[in-house]
Every structure is written in structure tokens, then in C-alpha cells.
Amino acid sequence: MVEVASTILEFILVFLIIYFGYYLLSYRKLKKYDRKRSPVNIKYLVLRYNLDVVKLGYKRVFKTLMLCDSFIVAFMFTITRFIDNIYVRLLVSFILIFPLFAGVYHLVATYYRKESE
């Protein structure tokens, strides 16, 4: 029971560190939406799912993606924490990161697509 609680606490701590770091480094610098200077994750949603970021709110979509990215990094850290070999840990992370990003971004895009209709 103590191990489960420490794992959950570690997940929350990593999530908060990544989120606040991302907030301090990226969110505070946001200006108006510019197609050429927008982050890659927003470009991906616009090109792949044809979302109208201006209509939905650029900062709102960016905040959602900040939460999703922080969740993905914390989840990957927690899942691979049990692997002791660093090379195997990197290989597992590399294999799992792309489907995890695709799945989470798909859920975000379907949510925003339903909301915009």
C-alpha cells in the first residue's frame, strides 16, 4: 500500500514539475495566434484534424495541450520507473511515446471537434 501511494505521489510530483516548467517557459510568452510561429502540437491538430484554433481559443487549446503533455511525460516516467537498465528504459519509452501522443491528441481533437459543432 505504501508503494502504491509513493508511486501516485511521484506521478503527481512529476506532473506538477513538468506543467509548471512548461507554463513558465511557453505559456507566458504566448501572444496572438500565428500559423507560422505556433507550436508543433497545435500545428498537428490543425493539419490532421482541421481544428479552427482561433474559433476555439488559442490559449485554451494550448492550456489543454499543456495538461496533456504533462500527463504523458509523467505517465511515461511512472511506467518506465520499474525498468533498471537505462537502454531498455529508453527503448520502451521510445516505443510507447508515439501511440500515447497519438491517442491523447486524438481524444483532445474529438473533444474540440464536438464542441465546435
C-alpha atoms as a PDB file:
ATOM      1  CA  MET A   1       0.000   0.000   0.000  1.00  0.00           C
ATOM      2  CA  VAL A   2       2.848   2.353   0.806  1.00  0.00           C
ATOM      3  CA  GLU A   3       4.463   1.576  -2.555  1.00  0.00           C
ATOM      4  CA  VAL A   4       1.274   2.455  -4.423  1.00  0.00           C
ATOM      5  CA  ALA A   5       0.951   5.717  -2.520  1.00  0.00           C
ATOM      6  CA  SER A   6       4.578   6.629  -3.240  1.00  0.00           C
ATOM      7  CA  THR A   7       4.083   5.856  -6.947  1.00  0.00           C
ATOM      8  CA  ILE A   8       0.986   8.062  -7.105  1.00  0.00           C
ATOM      9  CA  LEU A   9       2.780  10.839  -5.234  1.00  0.00           C
ATOM     10  CA  GLU A  10       5.722  10.549  -7.616  1.00  0.00           C
ATOM     11  CA  PHE A  11       3.357  10.770 -10.606  1.00  0.00           C
ATOM     12  CA  ILE A  12       1.706  13.892  -9.209  1.00  0.00           C
ATOM     13  CA  LEU A  13       5.051  15.489  -8.414  1.00  0.00           C
ATOM     14  CA  VAL A  14       6.459  14.845 -11.892  1.00  0.00           C
ATOM     15  CA  PHE A  15       3.199  16.080 -13.441  1.00  0.00           C
ATOM     16  CA  LEU A  16       3.314  19.344 -11.489  1.00  0.00           C
ATOM     17  CA  ILE A  17       7.011  19.953 -12.211  1.00  0.00           C
ATOM     18  CA  ILE A  18       6.519  19.425 -15.948  1.00  0.00           C
ATOM     19  CA  TYR A  19       3.338  21.516 -16.032  1.00  0.00           C
ATOM     20  CA  PHE A  20       4.796  24.491 -14.173  1.00  0.00           C
ATOM     21  CA  GLY A  21       8.015  24.322 -16.189  1.00  0.00           C
ATOM     22  CA  TYR A  22       6.010  24.273 -19.398  1.00  0.00           C
ATOM     23  CA  TYR A  23       3.874  27.131 -18.090  1.00  0.00           C
ATOM     24  CA  LEU A  24       6.867  29.297 -17.204  1.00  0.00           C
ATOM     25  CA  LEU A  25       8.768  28.613 -20.409  1.00  0.00           C
ATOM     26  CA  SER A  26       5.982  28.567 -23.010  1.00  0.00           C
ATOM     27  CA  TYR A  27       2.597  29.809 -21.875  1.00  0.00           C
ATOM     28  CA  ARG A  28       3.710  33.172 -20.547  1.00  0.00           C
ATOM     29  CA  LYS A  29       5.303  34.011 -23.906  1.00  0.00           C
ATOM     30  CA  LEU A  30       2.120  33.412 -25.909  1.00  0.00           C
ATOM     31  CA  LYS A  31       0.824  36.227 -27.985  1.00  0.00           C
ATOM     32  CA  LYS A  32      -1.798  36.136 -30.685  1.00  0.00           C
ATOM     33  CA  TYR A  33      -2.226  33.039 -32.881  1.00  0.00           C
ATOM     34  CA  ASP A  34       0.218  32.967 -35.787  1.00  0.00           C
ATOM     35  CA  ARG A  35       0.202  29.963 -38.107  1.00  0.00           C
ATOM     36  CA  LYS A  36       3.909  30.147 -38.786  1.00  0.00           C
ATOM     37  CA  ARG A  37       5.065  30.568 -35.188  1.00  0.00           C
ATOM     38  CA  SER A  38       2.609  28.249 -33.439  1.00  0.00           C
ATOM     39  CA  PRO A  39       3.920  25.210 -31.538  1.00  0.00           C
ATOM     40  CA  VAL A  40       4.184  21.846 -33.266  1.00  0.00           C
ATOM     41  CA  ASN A  41       1.398  20.237 -31.259  1.00  0.00           C
ATOM     42  CA  ILE A  42      -1.089  22.909 -32.319  1.00  0.00           C
ATOM     43  CA  LYS A  43       0.082  22.666 -35.925  1.00  0.00           C
ATOM     44  CA  TYR A  44      -0.514  18.915 -35.711  1.00  0.00           C
ATOM     45  CA  LEU A  45      -4.091  19.391 -34.510  1.00  0.00           C
ATOM     46  CA  VAL A  46      -4.804  21.990 -37.184  1.00  0.00           C
ATOM     47  CA  LEU A  47      -3.368  19.949 -40.054  1.00  0.00           C
ATOM     48  CA  ARG A  48      -4.524  16.488 -39.011  1.00  0.00           C
ATOM     49  CA  TYR A  49      -7.965  17.248 -37.554  1.00  0.00           C
ATOM     50  CA  ASN A  50      -8.797  20.584 -39.246  1.00  0.00           C
ATOM     51  CA  LEU A  51      -9.494  22.385 -35.983  1.00  0.00           C
ATOM     52  CA  ASP A  52     -10.157  26.108 -36.026  1.00  0.00           C
ATOM     53  CA  VAL A  53      -7.881  27.216 -33.220  1.00  0.00           C
ATOM     54  CA  VAL A  54      -8.947  30.853 -33.448  1.00  0.00           C
ATOM     55  CA  LYS A  55     -12.610  29.938 -33.003  1.00  0.00           C
ATOM     56  CA  LEU A  56     -11.882  27.590 -30.088  1.00  0.00           C
ATOM     57  CA  GLY A  57      -9.452  29.943 -28.405  1.00  0.00           C
ATOM     58  CA  TYR A  58      -5.712  29.641 -28.937  1.00  0.00           C
ATOM     59  CA  LYS A  59      -4.752  29.937 -25.274  1.00  0.00           C
ATOM     60  CA  ARG A  60      -7.457  27.493 -24.222  1.00  0.00           C
ATOM     61  CA  VAL A  61      -6.256  24.848 -26.672  1.00  0.00           C
ATOM     62  CA  PHE A  62      -2.666  25.481 -25.617  1.00  0.00           C
ATOM     63  CA  LYS A  63      -3.571  25.025 -21.939  1.00  0.00           C
ATOM     64  CA  THR A  64      -5.288  21.730 -22.740  1.00  0.00           C
ATOM     65  CA  LEU A  65      -2.251  20.529 -24.646  1.00  0.00           C
ATOM     66  CA  MET A  66      -0.001  21.589 -21.773  1.00  0.00           C
ATOM     67  CA  LEU A  67      -2.034  19.384 -19.445  1.00  0.00           C
ATOM     68  CA  CYS A  68      -1.950  16.501 -21.915  1.00  0.00           C
ATOM     69  CA  ASP A  69       1.800  16.751 -22.495  1.00  0.00           C
ATOM     70  CA  SER A  70       2.464  16.902 -18.768  1.00  0.00           C
ATOM     71  CA  PHE A  71       0.255  13.863 -18.233  1.00  0.00           C
ATOM     72  CA  ILE A  72       2.037  11.918 -20.962  1.00  0.00           C
ATOM     73  CA  VAL A  73       5.508  12.672 -19.609  1.00  0.00           C
ATOM     74  CA  ALA A  74       4.508  11.839 -16.024  1.00  0.00           C
ATOM     75  CA  PHE A  75       2.790   8.647 -17.173  1.00  0.00           C
ATOM     76  CA  MET A  76       5.833   7.547 -19.167  1.00  0.00           C
ATOM     77  CA  PHE A  77       8.108   8.296 -16.232  1.00  0.00           C
ATOM     78  CA  THR A  78       5.905   6.302 -13.868  1.00  0.00           C
ATOM     79  CA  ILE A  79       5.535   3.343 -16.232  1.00  0.00           C
ATOM     80  CA  THR A  80       9.239   3.056 -17.001  1.00  0.00           C
ATOM     81  CA  ARG A  81      10.365   3.685 -13.433  1.00  0.00           C
ATOM     82  CA  PHE A  82      10.471  -0.031 -12.727  1.00  0.00           C
ATOM     83  CA  ILE A  83      12.995  -0.758 -15.507  1.00  0.00           C
ATOM     84  CA  ASP A  84      16.528  -0.630 -14.159  1.00  0.00           C
ATOM     85  CA  ASN A  85      18.511  -0.799 -17.400  1.00  0.00           C
ATOM     86  CA  ILE A  86      18.670   2.668 -18.941  1.00  0.00           C
ATOM     87  CA  TYR A  87      18.881   1.422 -22.535  1.00  0.00           C
ATOM     88  CA  VAL A  88      15.844  -0.806 -22.171  1.00  0.00           C
ATOM     89  CA  ARG A  89      14.013   2.038 -20.445  1.00  0.00           C
ATOM     90  CA  LEU A  90      14.761   4.383 -23.347  1.00  0.00           C
ATOM     91  CA  LEU A  91      13.696   1.739 -25.870  1.00  0.00           C
ATOM     92  CA  VAL A  92      10.392   1.114 -24.081  1.00  0.00           C
ATOM     93  CA  SER A  93       9.784   4.850 -23.787  1.00  0.00           C
ATOM     94  CA  PHE A  94      10.528   5.364 -27.468  1.00  0.00           C
ATOM     95  CA  ILE A  95       8.140   2.582 -28.454  1.00  0.00           C
ATOM     96  CA  LEU A  96       5.309   3.780 -26.193  1.00  0.00           C
ATOM     97  CA  ILE A  97       5.574   7.537 -26.693  1.00  0.00           C
ATOM     98  CA  PHE A  98       4.200   7.761 -30.232  1.00  0.00           C
ATOM     99  CA  PRO A  99       0.999   5.766 -29.716  1.00  0.00           C
ATOM    100  CA  LEU A 100       0.424   7.572 -26.434  1.00  0.00           C
ATOM    101  CA  PHE A 101       0.748  11.013 -28.042  1.00  0.00           C
ATOM    102  CA  ALA A 102      -1.431   9.967 -30.977  1.00  0.00           C
ATOM    103  CA  GLY A 103      -4.135   8.574 -28.692  1.00  0.00           C
ATOM    104  CA  VAL A 104      -4.269  11.517 -26.321  1.00  0.00           C
ATOM    105  CA  TYR A 105      -4.195  14.075 -29.128  1.00  0.00           C
ATOM    106  CA  HIS A 106      -6.957  12.174 -30.912  1.00  0.00           C
ATOM    107  CA  LEU A 107      -9.124  12.409 -27.782  1.00  0.00           C
ATOM    108  CA  VAL A 108      -8.421  16.138 -27.483  1.00  0.00           C
ATOM    109  CA  ALA A 109      -9.232  16.707 -31.151  1.00  0.00           C
ATOM    110  CA  THR A 110     -12.513  14.784 -30.989  1.00  0.00           C
ATOM    111  CA  TYR A 111     -13.489  16.735 -27.875  1.00  0.00           C
ATOM    112  CA  TYR A 112     -12.820  20.070 -29.543  1.00  0.00           C
ATOM    113  CA  ARG A 113     -14.425  18.960 -32.793  1.00  0.00           C
ATOM    114  CA  LYS A 114     -17.643  18.037 -30.953  1.00  0.00           C
ATOM    115  CA  GLU A 115     -17.539  21.292 -29.035  1.00  0.00           C
ATOM    116  CA  SER A 116     -17.148  23.403 -32.158  1.00  0.00           C
ATOM    117  CA  GLU A 117     -20.235  21.854 -33.798  1.00  0.00           C
END
